[in-house]
């Protein structure tokens, strides 16, 4: 038997809640965990390397 784990979602905090709402609408029975990375807002001004670094860090946080 597989453990039921939530789906993790993160973003810089700008617009992420609207994306989360869409995911909830598409997957109404799914457990979701949302992280707003507002300390590093906005992602659009970051380099690819910075976004990769944040993504790895936040993914690790969600997996823990």
PDB file of N, CA and C in Angstrom:
ATOM      1  N   UNK A   1       0.841  -1.177   0.000  1.00  0.00           N
ATOM      2  CA  UNK A   1       0.000   0.000   0.000  1.00  0.00           C
ATOM      3  C   UNK A   1       0.889   1.244   0.000  1.00  0.00           C
ATOM      4  N   UNK A   2       0.532   2.230  -0.809  1.00  0.00           N
ATOM      5  CA  UNK A   2       1.284   3.478  -0.897  1.00  0.00           C
ATOM      6  C   UNK A   2       0.696   4.515   0.033  1.00  0.00           C
ATOM      7  N   UNK A   3       1.575   5.227   0.705  1.00  0.00           N
ATOM      8  CA  UNK A   3       1.155   6.324   1.568  1.00  0.00           C
ATOM      9  C   UNK A   3       0.626   7.455   0.693  1.00  0.00           C
ATOM     10  N   UNK A   4      -0.483   8.056   1.086  1.00  0.00           N
ATOM     11  CA  UNK A   4      -1.055   9.185   0.354  1.00  0.00           C
ATOM     12  C   UNK A   4      -0.371  10.471   0.795  1.00  0.00           C
ATOM     13  N   UNK A   5       0.396  11.064  -0.084  1.00  0.00           N
ATOM     14  CA  UNK A   5       1.119  12.286   0.226  1.00  0.00           C
ATOM     15  C   UNK A   5       0.499  13.462  -0.522  1.00  0.00           C
ATOM     16  N   UNK A   6       0.571  14.652   0.058  1.00  0.00           N
ATOM     17  CA  UNK A   6       0.011  15.819  -0.628  1.00  0.00           C
ATOM     18  C   UNK A   6       0.888  16.257  -1.801  1.00  0.00           C
ATOM     19  N   UNK A   7       0.293  17.029  -2.671  1.00  0.00           N
ATOM     20  CA  UNK A   7       1.008  17.645  -3.777  1.00  0.00           C
ATOM     21  C   UNK A   7       1.562  18.973  -3.276  1.00  0.00           C
ATOM     22  N   UNK A   8       2.847  19.210  -3.475  1.00  0.00           N
ATOM     23  CA  UNK A   8       3.467  20.446  -3.050  1.00  0.00           C
ATOM     24  C   UNK A   8       3.510  21.462  -4.182  1.00  0.00           C
ATOM     25  N   UNK A   9       3.172  22.697  -3.854  1.00  0.00           N
ATOM     26  CA  UNK A   9       3.175  23.792  -4.822  1.00  0.00           C
ATOM     27  C   UNK A   9       3.931  24.960  -4.191  1.00  0.00           C
ATOM     28  N   UNK A  10       4.823  25.584  -4.953  1.00  0.00           N
ATOM     29  CA  UNK A  10       5.484  26.784  -4.437  1.00  0.00           C
ATOM     30  C   UNK A  10       5.655  27.795  -5.551  1.00  0.00           C
ATOM     31  N   UNK A  11       5.738  29.049  -5.162  1.00  0.00           N
ATOM     32  CA  UNK A  11       6.093  30.113  -6.092  1.00  0.00           C
ATOM     33  C   UNK A  11       6.552  31.312  -5.282  1.00  0.00           C
ATOM     34  N   UNK A  12       6.823  32.408  -5.954  1.00  0.00           N
ATOM     35  CA  UNK A  12       7.345  33.583  -5.269  1.00  0.00           C
ATOM     36  C   UNK A  12       6.278  34.324  -4.474  1.00  0.00           C
ATOM     37  N   UNK A  13       5.055  33.874  -4.562  1.00  0.00           N
ATOM     38  CA  UNK A  13       3.980  34.513  -3.819  1.00  0.00           C
ATOM     39  C   UNK A  13       3.137  35.450  -4.660  1.00  0.00           C
ATOM     40  N   UNK A  14       3.556  35.754  -5.869  1.00  0.00           N
ATOM     41  CA  UNK A  14       2.778  36.615  -6.755  1.00  0.00           C
ATOM     42  C   UNK A  14       1.995  35.741  -7.731  1.00  0.00           C
ATOM     43  N   UNK A  15       0.701  35.673  -7.538  1.00  0.00           N
ATOM     44  CA  UNK A  15      -0.132  34.889  -8.437  1.00  0.00           C
ATOM     45  C   UNK A  15      -0.241  33.417  -8.072  1.00  0.00           C
ATOM     46  N   UNK A  16       0.514  32.989  -7.111  1.00  0.00           N
ATOM     47  CA  UNK A  16       0.511  31.573  -6.755  1.00  0.00           C
ATOM     48  C   UNK A  16      -0.805  31.072  -6.204  1.00  0.00           C
ATOM     49  N   UNK A  17      -1.503  31.918  -5.484  1.00  0.00           N
ATOM     50  CA  UNK A  17      -2.789  31.486  -4.921  1.00  0.00           C
ATOM     51  C   UNK A  17      -3.821  31.249  -6.013  1.00  0.00           C
ATOM     52  N   UNK A  18      -3.768  32.011  -7.106  1.00  0.00           N
ATOM     53  CA  UNK A  18      -4.696  31.767  -8.205  1.00  0.00           C
ATOM     54  C   UNK A  18      -4.362  30.451  -8.905  1.00  0.00           C
ATOM     55  N   UNK A  19      -3.083  30.140  -9.016  1.00  0.00           N
ATOM     56  CA  UNK A  19      -2.666  28.853  -9.582  1.00  0.00           C
ATOM     57  C   UNK A  19      -3.112  27.719  -8.660  1.00  0.00           C
ATOM     58  N   UNK A  20      -2.935  27.904  -7.361  1.00  0.00           N
ATOM     59  CA  UNK A  20      -3.367  26.900  -6.392  1.00  0.00           C
ATOM     60  C   UNK A  20      -4.876  26.668  -6.494  1.00  0.00           C
ATOM     61  N   UNK A  21      -5.645  27.744  -6.666  1.00  0.00           N
ATOM     62  CA  UNK A  21      -7.096  27.612  -6.809  1.00  0.00           C
ATOM     63  C   UNK A  21      -7.456  26.788  -8.045  1.00  0.00           C
ATOM     64  N   UNK A  22      -6.737  26.984  -9.133  1.00  0.00           N
ATOM     65  CA  UNK A  22      -6.980  26.200 -10.349  1.00  0.00           C
ATOM     66  C   UNK A  22      -6.651  24.724 -10.125  1.00  0.00           C
ATOM     67  N   UNK A  23      -5.550  24.467  -9.433  1.00  0.00           N
ATOM     68  CA  UNK A  23      -5.185  23.080  -9.129  1.00  0.00           C
ATOM     69  C   UNK A  23      -6.270  22.442  -8.264  1.00  0.00           C
ATOM     70  N   UNK A  24      -6.757  23.176  -7.266  1.00  0.00           N
ATOM     71  CA  UNK A  24      -7.837  22.656  -6.409  1.00  0.00           C
ATOM     72  C   UNK A  24      -9.077  22.332  -7.224  1.00  0.00           C
ATOM     73  N   UNK A  25      -9.372  23.186  -8.199  1.00  0.00           N
ATOM     74  CA  UNK A  25     -10.553  22.954  -9.030  1.00  0.00           C
ATOM     75  C   UNK A  25     -10.371  21.696  -9.887  1.00  0.00           C
ATOM     76  N   UNK A  26      -9.169  21.506 -10.412  1.00  0.00           N
ATOM     77  CA  UNK A  26      -8.889  20.335 -11.242  1.00  0.00           C
ATOM     78  C   UNK A  26      -8.741  19.055 -10.430  1.00  0.00           C
ATOM     79  N   UNK A  27      -8.248  19.180  -9.204  1.00  0.00           N
ATOM     80  CA  UNK A  27      -7.994  18.016  -8.342  1.00  0.00           C
ATOM     81  C   UNK A  27      -8.666  18.232  -6.985  1.00  0.00           C
ATOM     82  N   UNK A  28     -10.002  18.240  -6.953  1.00  0.00           N
ATOM     83  CA  UNK A  28     -10.702  18.610  -5.717  1.00  0.00           C
ATOM     84  C   UNK A  28     -10.471  17.666  -4.540  1.00  0.00           C
ATOM     85  N   UNK A  29     -10.077  16.441  -4.802  1.00  0.00           N
ATOM     86  CA  UNK A  29      -9.885  15.471  -3.717  1.00  0.00           C
ATOM     87  C   UNK A  29      -8.429  15.337  -3.293  1.00  0.00           C
ATOM     88  N   UNK A  30      -7.573  16.132  -3.902  1.00  0.00           N
ATOM     89  CA  UNK A  30      -6.135  16.037  -3.617  1.00  0.00           C
ATOM     90  C   UNK A  30      -5.760  16.945  -2.445  1.00  0.00           C
ATOM     91  N   UNK A  31      -4.891  16.452  -1.588  1.00  0.00           N
ATOM     92  CA  UNK A  31      -4.329  17.296  -0.526  1.00  0.00           C
ATOM     93  C   UNK A  31      -3.203  18.121  -1.129  1.00  0.00           C
ATOM     94  N   UNK A  32      -3.202  19.418  -0.820  1.00  0.00           N
ATOM     95  CA  UNK A  32      -2.196  20.317  -1.372  1.00  0.00           C
ATOM     96  C   UNK A  32      -1.467  21.042  -0.250  1.00  0.00           C
ATOM     97  N   UNK A  33      -0.187  21.285  -0.459  1.00  0.00           N
ATOM     98  CA  UNK A  33       0.621  22.089   0.455  1.00  0.00           C
ATOM     99  C   UNK A  33       1.197  23.227  -0.384  1.00  0.00           C
ATOM    100  N   UNK A  34       1.006  24.459   0.073  1.00  0.00           N
ATOM    101  CA  UNK A  34       1.454  25.637  -0.682  1.00  0.00           C
ATOM    102  C   UNK A  34       2.499  26.402   0.116  1.00  0.00           C
ATOM    103  N   UNK A  35       3.587  26.760  -0.550  1.00  0.00           N
ATOM    104  CA  UNK A  35       4.629  27.581   0.055  1.00  0.00           C
ATOM    105  C   UNK A  35       4.785  28.840  -0.792  1.00  0.00           C
ATOM    106  N   UNK A  36       4.575  30.001  -0.168  1.00  0.00           N
ATOM    107  CA  UNK A  36       4.812  31.280  -0.825  1.00  0.00           C
ATOM    108  C   UNK A  36       6.217  31.741  -0.458  1.00  0.00           C
ATOM    109  N   UNK A  37       7.087  31.781  -1.414  1.00  0.00           N
ATOM    110  CA  UNK A  37       8.479  32.167  -1.199  1.00  0.00           C
ATOM    111  C   UNK A  37       8.612  33.689  -1.306  1.00  0.00           C
ATOM    112  N   UNK A  38       7.853  34.388  -0.504  1.00  0.00           N
ATOM    113  CA  UNK A  38       7.761  35.846  -0.618  1.00  0.00           C
ATOM    114  C   UNK A  38       9.062  36.563  -0.251  1.00  0.00           C
ATOM    115  N   UNK A  39       9.967  35.898   0.421  1.00  0.00           N
ATOM    116  CA  UNK A  39      11.259  36.508   0.738  1.00  0.00           C
ATOM    117  C   UNK A  39      12.116  36.687  -0.509  1.00  0.00           C
ATOM    118  N   UNK A  40      11.763  35.992  -1.589  1.00  0.00           N
ATOM    119  CA  UNK A  40      12.570  36.045  -2.818  1.00  0.00           C
ATOM    120  C   UNK A  40      11.743  36.495  -4.021  1.00  0.00           C
ATOM    121  N   UNK A  41      10.771  37.340  -3.764  1.00  0.00           N
ATOM    122  CA  UNK A  41       9.874  37.826  -4.806  1.00  0.00           C
ATOM    123  C   UNK A  41      10.551  38.926  -5.611  1.00  0.00           C
ATOM    124  N   UNK A  42      10.350  39.114  -6.868  1.00  0.00           N
ATOM    125  CA  UNK A  42       9.687  38.208  -7.808  1.00  0.00           C
ATOM    126  C   UNK A  42      10.700  37.277  -8.476  1.00  0.00           C
ATOM    127  N   UNK A  43      10.242  36.117  -8.879  1.00  0.00           N
ATOM    128  CA  UNK A  43      11.123  35.176  -9.567  1.00  0.00           C
ATOM    129  C   UNK A  43      11.519  35.681 -10.949  1.00  0.00           C
ATOM    130  N   UNK A  44      10.665  36.487 -11.560  1.00  0.00           N
ATOM    131  CA  UNK A  44      10.923  36.971 -12.913  1.00  0.00           C
ATOM    132  C   UNK A  44      12.194  37.787 -13.047  1.00  0.00           C
ATOM    133  N   UNK A  45      12.675  38.335 -11.955  1.00  0.00           N
ATOM    134  CA  UNK A  45      13.914  39.128 -11.982  1.00  0.00           C
ATOM    135  C   UNK A  45      15.143  38.305 -11.602  1.00  0.00           C
ATOM    136  N   UNK A  46      14.954  37.024 -11.323  1.00  0.00           N
ATOM    137  CA  UNK A  46      16.066  36.165 -10.904  1.00  0.00           C
ATOM    138  C   UNK A  46      16.707  35.486 -12.113  1.00  0.00           C
ATOM    139  N   UNK A  47      17.970  35.108 -11.939  1.00  0.00           N
ATOM    140  CA  UNK A  47      18.653  34.337 -12.983  1.00  0.00           C
ATOM    141  C   UNK A  47      18.150  32.899 -12.934  1.00  0.00           C
ATOM    142  N   UNK A  48      18.423  32.169 -14.009  1.00  0.00           N
ATOM    143  CA  UNK A  48      18.045  30.751 -14.042  1.00  0.00           C
ATOM    144  C   UNK A  48      18.689  29.994 -12.889  1.00  0.00           C
ATOM    145  N   UNK A  49      19.938  30.330 -12.580  1.00  0.00           N
ATOM    146  CA  UNK A  49      20.646  29.656 -11.497  1.00  0.00           C
ATOM    147  C   UNK A  49      19.980  29.925 -10.148  1.00  0.00           C
ATOM    148  N   UNK A  50      19.543  31.158  -9.936  1.00  0.00           N
ATOM    149  CA  UNK A  50      18.859  31.491  -8.675  1.00  0.00           C
ATOM    150  C   UNK A  50      17.533  30.735  -8.550  1.00  0.00           C
ATOM    151  N   UNK A  51      16.812  30.625  -9.647  1.00  0.00           N
ATOM    152  CA  UNK A  51      15.530  29.922  -9.610  1.00  0.00           C
ATOM    153  C   UNK A  51      15.746  28.429  -9.371  1.00  0.00           C
ATOM    154  N   UNK A  52      16.757  27.876  -9.996  1.00  0.00           N
ATOM    155  CA  UNK A  52      17.074  26.456  -9.761  1.00  0.00           C
ATOM    156  C   UNK A  52      17.432  26.237  -8.301  1.00  0.00           C
ATOM    157  N   UNK A  53      18.254  27.121  -7.745  1.00  0.00           N
ATOM    158  CA  UNK A  53      18.649  27.015  -6.333  1.00  0.00           C
ATOM    159  C   UNK A  53      17.421  27.064  -5.413  1.00  0.00           C
ATOM    160  N   UNK A  54      16.524  28.022  -5.644  1.00  0.00           N
ATOM    161  CA  UNK A  54      15.306  28.134  -4.820  1.00  0.00           C
ATOM    162  C   UNK A  54      14.425  26.905  -4.999  1.00  0.00           C
ATOM    163  N   UNK A  55      14.322  26.425  -6.232  1.00  0.00           N
ATOM    164  CA  UNK A  55      13.479  25.251  -6.509  1.00  0.00           C
ATOM    165  C   UNK A  55      13.980  24.014  -5.777  1.00  0.00           C
ATOM    166  N   UNK A  56      15.283  23.820  -5.772  1.00  0.00           N
ATOM    167  CA  UNK A  56      15.871  22.676  -5.066  1.00  0.00           C
ATOM    168  C   UNK A  56      15.632  22.808  -3.564  1.00  0.00           C
ATOM    169  N   UNK A  57      15.866  23.996  -3.027  1.00  0.00           N
ATOM    170  CA  UNK A  57      15.665  24.231  -1.604  1.00  0.00           C
ATOM    171  C   UNK A  57      14.205  24.017  -1.191  1.00  0.00           C
ATOM    172  N   UNK A  58      13.278  24.597  -1.939  1.00  0.00           N
ATOM    173  CA  UNK A  58      11.859  24.485  -1.579  1.00  0.00           C
ATOM    174  C   UNK A  58      11.320  23.085  -1.817  1.00  0.00           C
ATOM    175  N   UNK A  59      11.808  22.413  -2.854  1.00  0.00           N
ATOM    176  CA  UNK A  59      11.403  21.020  -3.074  1.00  0.00           C
ATOM    177  C   UNK A  59      11.849  20.149  -1.905  1.00  0.00           C
ATOM    178  N   UNK A  60      13.068  20.372  -1.445  1.00  0.00           N
ATOM    179  CA  UNK A  60      13.568  19.640  -0.273  1.00  0.00           C
ATOM    180  C   UNK A  60      12.719  19.897   0.948  1.00  0.00           C
ATOM    181  N   UNK A  61      12.337  21.159   1.158  1.00  0.00           N
ATOM    182  CA  UNK A  61      11.464  21.519   2.268  1.00  0.00           C
ATOM    183  C   UNK A  61      10.132  20.770   2.181  1.00  0.00           C
ATOM    184  N   UNK A  62       9.542  20.757   0.995  1.00  0.00           N
ATOM    185  CA  UNK A  62       8.256  20.071   0.813  1.00  0.00           C
ATOM    186  C   UNK A  62       8.382  18.562   0.994  1.00  0.00           C
ATOM    187  N   UNK A  63       9.495  18.003   0.603  1.00  0.00           N
ATOM    188  CA  UNK A  63       9.686  16.555   0.747  1.00  0.00           C
ATOM    189  C   UNK A  63       9.938  16.147   2.200  1.00  0.00           C
ATOM    190  N   UNK A  64      10.528  17.049   2.972  1.00  0.00           N
ATOM    191  CA  UNK A  64      10.748  16.756   4.393  1.00  0.00           C
ATOM    192  C   UNK A  64       9.421  16.761   5.123  1.00  0.00           C
TER     193      UNK A  64
END
